[in-house]
Protein backbone atom coordinates (compact mmCIF):
# COMPACT_ATOMS: atom_id res chain seq x y z
CA MET A 1 -15.74 -8.31 16.75
CA THR A 2 -16.69 -4.65 16.21
CA GLY A 3 -14.58 -3.36 19.01
CA TRP A 4 -11.09 -3.25 20.55
CA SER A 5 -11.12 -5.61 23.38
CA ALA A 6 -7.32 -6.87 22.90
CA SER A 7 -4.46 -6.06 25.50
CA LEU A 8 -2.47 -2.89 24.88
CA PRO A 9 0.55 -4.83 25.08
CA LEU A 10 -0.57 -7.54 22.34
CA LEU A 11 -1.77 -4.59 20.07
CA LEU A 12 1.57 -2.24 20.49
CA ALA A 13 3.40 -5.80 19.47
CA ALA A 14 1.07 -6.51 16.49
CA VAL A 15 1.81 -2.89 15.46
CA LEU A 16 5.77 -3.38 15.99
CA TRP A 17 5.93 -6.40 14.23
CA GLY A 18 3.68 -5.17 11.02
CA TYR A 19 6.34 -2.00 11.12
CA LEU A 20 9.06 -3.72 11.01
CA LEU A 21 8.27 -6.27 7.95
CA GLY A 22 6.57 -3.37 6.30
CA SER A 23 9.85 -1.13 6.54
CA ILE A 24 11.28 -3.38 4.42
CA PRO A 25 12.45 -1.64 0.97
CA PHE A 26 12.29 -4.59 -1.78
CA GLY A 27 12.01 -1.68 -4.09
CA VAL A 28 15.71 -0.42 -3.02
CA ILE A 29 17.04 -4.01 -2.47
CA ILE A 30 15.94 -5.54 -5.77
CA THR A 31 17.08 -2.49 -7.66
CA ARG A 32 20.41 -2.73 -5.90
CA ALA A 33 20.67 -6.86 -6.27
CA ALA A 34 20.08 -6.51 -9.81
CA GLY A 35 22.61 -4.03 -10.22
CA LEU A 36 20.59 -0.90 -11.27
CA GLY A 37 21.75 1.21 -8.23
CA ASP A 38 19.73 2.96 -5.89
CA VAL A 39 15.93 3.67 -7.21
CA ARG A 40 15.85 6.71 -4.77
CA LYS A 41 18.03 8.09 -7.30
CA ILE A 42 16.18 8.02 -10.58
CA GLY A 43 12.77 9.45 -11.38
CA SER A 44 10.22 10.11 -8.49
CA GLY A 45 12.97 8.89 -5.82
CA ASN A 46 9.91 6.38 -4.93
CA ILE A 47 11.05 2.73 -3.45
CA GLY A 48 7.61 1.35 -5.11
CA ALA A 49 7.06 -0.77 -8.25
CA THR A 50 5.82 2.29 -10.60
CA ASN A 51 9.08 4.22 -9.97
CA VAL A 52 11.02 0.52 -10.40
CA LEU A 53 9.51 0.18 -13.54
CA ARG A 54 11.21 3.54 -14.81
CA THR A 55 14.39 1.60 -14.77
CA GLY A 56 12.76 -0.48 -17.95
CA ARG A 57 12.89 -3.79 -16.31
CA LYS A 58 9.22 -4.71 -15.94
CA GLY A 59 10.28 -7.76 -14.29
CA LEU A 60 11.88 -6.15 -11.48
CA ALA A 61 8.87 -3.84 -11.09
CA ALA A 62 6.78 -6.60 -10.79
CA LEU A 63 8.51 -8.48 -8.31
CA THR A 64 8.60 -5.47 -6.21
CA LEU A 65 4.80 -5.04 -6.16
CA LEU A 66 4.21 -8.45 -5.29
CA LEU A 67 7.15 -8.18 -2.40
CA ASP A 68 5.46 -4.79 -1.50
CA ALA A 69 2.00 -6.82 -1.24
CA LEU A 70 3.03 -9.69 0.32
CA LYS A 71 4.83 -8.25 3.10
CA GLY A 72 1.44 -6.70 4.09
CA THR A 73 -0.59 -9.83 3.81
CA ALA A 74 2.45 -11.96 5.82
CA ALA A 75 1.98 -9.30 8.82
CA VAL A 76 -1.78 -9.64 8.96
CA LEU A 77 -2.07 -13.46 8.74
CA LEU A 78 0.61 -14.24 11.16
CA ALA A 79 -0.56 -11.49 13.58
CA GLY A 80 -4.06 -12.91 13.16
CA ILE A 81 -3.21 -16.16 15.09
CA TYR A 82 -3.97 -13.68 18.00
CA GLY A 83 -7.47 -12.53 16.58
CA GLN A 84 -8.62 -9.49 14.24
CA GLU A 85 -7.57 -6.90 16.42
CA ALA A 86 -4.19 -8.03 16.57
CA ALA A 87 -4.40 -8.62 12.56
CA VAL A 88 -5.82 -5.18 12.37
CA ALA A 89 -3.11 -3.48 14.34
CA ALA A 90 -0.45 -5.19 12.22
CA GLY A 91 -1.58 -3.88 9.00
CA LEU A 92 -1.52 -0.63 10.22
CA GLY A 93 1.81 -0.98 11.43
CA ALA A 94 3.20 -2.85 8.00
CA PHE A 95 1.11 0.43 6.28
CA LEU A 96 3.21 2.97 7.94
CA GLY A 97 6.57 0.62 7.91
CA HIS A 98 6.06 0.77 3.97
CA LEU A 99 5.28 4.66 4.01
CA PHE A 100 7.94 5.67 6.77
CA PRO A 101 10.44 2.67 6.70
CA VAL A 102 13.00 2.94 9.57
CA TRP A 103 15.96 1.25 7.48
CA ILE A 104 16.16 3.83 4.90
CA GLY A 105 15.30 7.69 6.86
CA PHE A 106 11.54 6.98 7.27
CA ARG A 107 11.53 8.08 3.44
CA GLY A 108 8.99 5.57 1.68
CA GLY A 109 6.30 4.79 -0.86
CA LYS A 110 2.82 5.68 -1.58
CA GLY A 111 1.71 2.24 0.15
CA VAL A 112 -0.83 1.15 -2.59
CA ALA A 113 0.39 -2.15 -3.19
CA THR A 114 0.98 -2.72 0.63
CA TYR A 115 -2.60 -1.38 1.36
CA LEU A 116 -3.93 -4.30 -1.34
CA GLY A 117 -1.66 -6.68 0.56
CA VAL A 118 -3.48 -6.07 3.82
CA LEU A 119 -6.62 -5.90 2.38
CA VAL A 120 -6.50 -9.24 1.16
CA ALA A 121 -5.41 -11.06 4.24
CA ILE A 122 -8.42 -8.72 6.07
CA ALA A 123 -11.12 -8.67 3.69
CA TRP A 124 -10.70 -10.20 0.21
CA PRO A 125 -14.08 -8.65 -0.79
CA GLY A 126 -12.75 -5.31 -0.06
CA ALA A 127 -9.58 -6.12 -2.60
CA LEU A 128 -12.18 -7.31 -5.46
CA VAL A 129 -13.62 -3.70 -4.86
CA PHE A 130 -10.40 -2.17 -4.90
CA ALA A 131 -9.77 -4.46 -8.05
CA VAL A 132 -12.69 -3.52 -10.33
CA ALA A 133 -12.53 0.37 -8.93
CA TRP A 134 -9.00 0.80 -10.14
CA LEU A 135 -9.11 -1.19 -13.39
CA LEU A 136 -12.54 0.59 -14.21
CA ILE A 137 -10.86 4.33 -13.61
CA ALA A 138 -7.59 3.38 -15.10
CA PHE A 139 -9.08 2.29 -18.33
CA VAL A 140 -11.18 5.22 -18.88
CA THR A 141 -8.58 7.62 -17.87
CA ARG A 142 -5.26 6.07 -18.18
CA TYR A 143 -4.30 7.96 -14.75
CA SER A 144 -2.75 5.18 -12.54
CA SER A 145 -2.84 7.88 -9.79
CA LEU A 146 -6.61 8.76 -9.90
CA ALA A 147 -7.14 5.03 -10.37
CA ALA A 148 -5.79 4.53 -6.68
CA LEU A 149 -7.21 7.44 -5.44
CA VAL A 150 -10.84 6.60 -6.16
CA ALA A 151 -10.50 2.67 -5.20
CA ALA A 152 -9.05 3.97 -1.71
CA ILE A 153 -12.02 5.64 -1.35
CA CYS A 154 -14.60 2.97 -2.56
CA VAL A 155 -12.76 0.36 -0.28
CA PRO A 156 -13.80 1.74 3.18
CA LEU A 157 -17.43 2.51 2.14
CA ALA A 158 -17.79 -1.35 0.81
CA LEU A 159 -16.10 -2.84 3.69
CA TYR A 160 -18.69 -0.30 6.02
CA LEU A 161 -21.91 -1.76 3.72
CA MET A 162 -20.31 -5.51 3.72
CA GLY A 163 -20.05 -5.51 7.44
CA TYR A 164 -16.82 -5.45 8.01
CA LEU A 165 -16.72 -2.46 10.52
CA LEU A 166 -13.29 -2.96 12.33
CA PRO A 167 -11.37 -3.07 8.71
CA ALA A 168 -13.35 -0.54 7.66
CA GLN A 169 -12.11 1.51 10.29
CA LEU A 170 -8.63 0.52 9.21
CA PHE A 171 -8.83 1.51 6.06
CA THR A 172 -10.71 4.69 6.41
CA VAL A 173 -7.21 5.80 8.03
CA LEU A 174 -5.15 3.71 5.13
CA SER A 175 -7.40 5.85 2.64
CA LEU A 176 -6.58 9.09 4.25
CA LEU A 177 -2.92 8.09 4.14
CA VAL A 178 -3.00 6.94 0.53
CA PHE A 179 -4.47 10.57 -0.38
CA LEU A 180 -1.83 12.56 1.76
CA LYS A 181 1.50 10.19 -0.07
CA HIS A 182 -0.32 11.33 -3.26
CA ARG A 183 -0.53 14.84 -2.60
CA ALA A 184 1.88 15.70 -5.51
CA ASN A 185 -0.16 13.42 -7.88
CA ILE A 186 -3.20 15.44 -7.08
CA GLN A 187 -2.07 18.45 -7.76
CA ARG A 188 -1.04 17.25 -11.21
CA LEU A 189 -4.22 15.70 -12.05
CA ILE A 190 -5.89 19.34 -10.92
CA GLN A 191 -2.62 20.85 -13.60
CA GLY A 192 -3.41 17.99 -16.10
CA ASN A 193 0.00 17.47 -16.50
CA GLU A 194 -0.03 13.60 -14.75
CA SER A 195 1.48 11.30 -16.32
CA ARG A 196 -0.65 8.48 -18.17
CA ILE A 197 -0.33 4.85 -18.02
CA GLY A 198 1.88 3.59 -21.24
CA ALA A 199 3.05 7.51 -21.58
CA LYS A 200 6.87 7.62 -22.23
CA GLY A 201 9.40 9.71 -20.27
């Protein structure tokens, strides 16, 4: 399927379903449940796994990463019962939900984990491309943000080449949003003061 033929009500319902699921702020919920307070008041103020890691609790950061990914996967798989277009719409909704969650004032995370979770469900070979690109750049440069940005460039290109045309359209949009949410990281990379993987402080 390469075009959009599903009914508008179905697509809107899929986007809404994905958005509500994607809006669940697992980083906030997990850190509060662990008695660590509000993760938005430490480090970067982000709700994602990277900032949860700044609490010193690697297990909680890993759990946040997993759940942020799985909410994207779940949104896509359940909507996918109604076809690929509904799955793509739900994937977009889940990603937007993580970036702009209704439950916490529309101030969410940067979306990389949810991006990957959606990708696994819609076009898993693209997730392999993401993983290889991320690992390679992270190993060479030790910049997590740069690795995510390079992977976000590679994914839509790879999807187009592999014939996943509708998912490629989705991930072109999602990758642009990843870049927008990483504006501060990009500025720090240019200035040479972005934090490296494993750096303290």
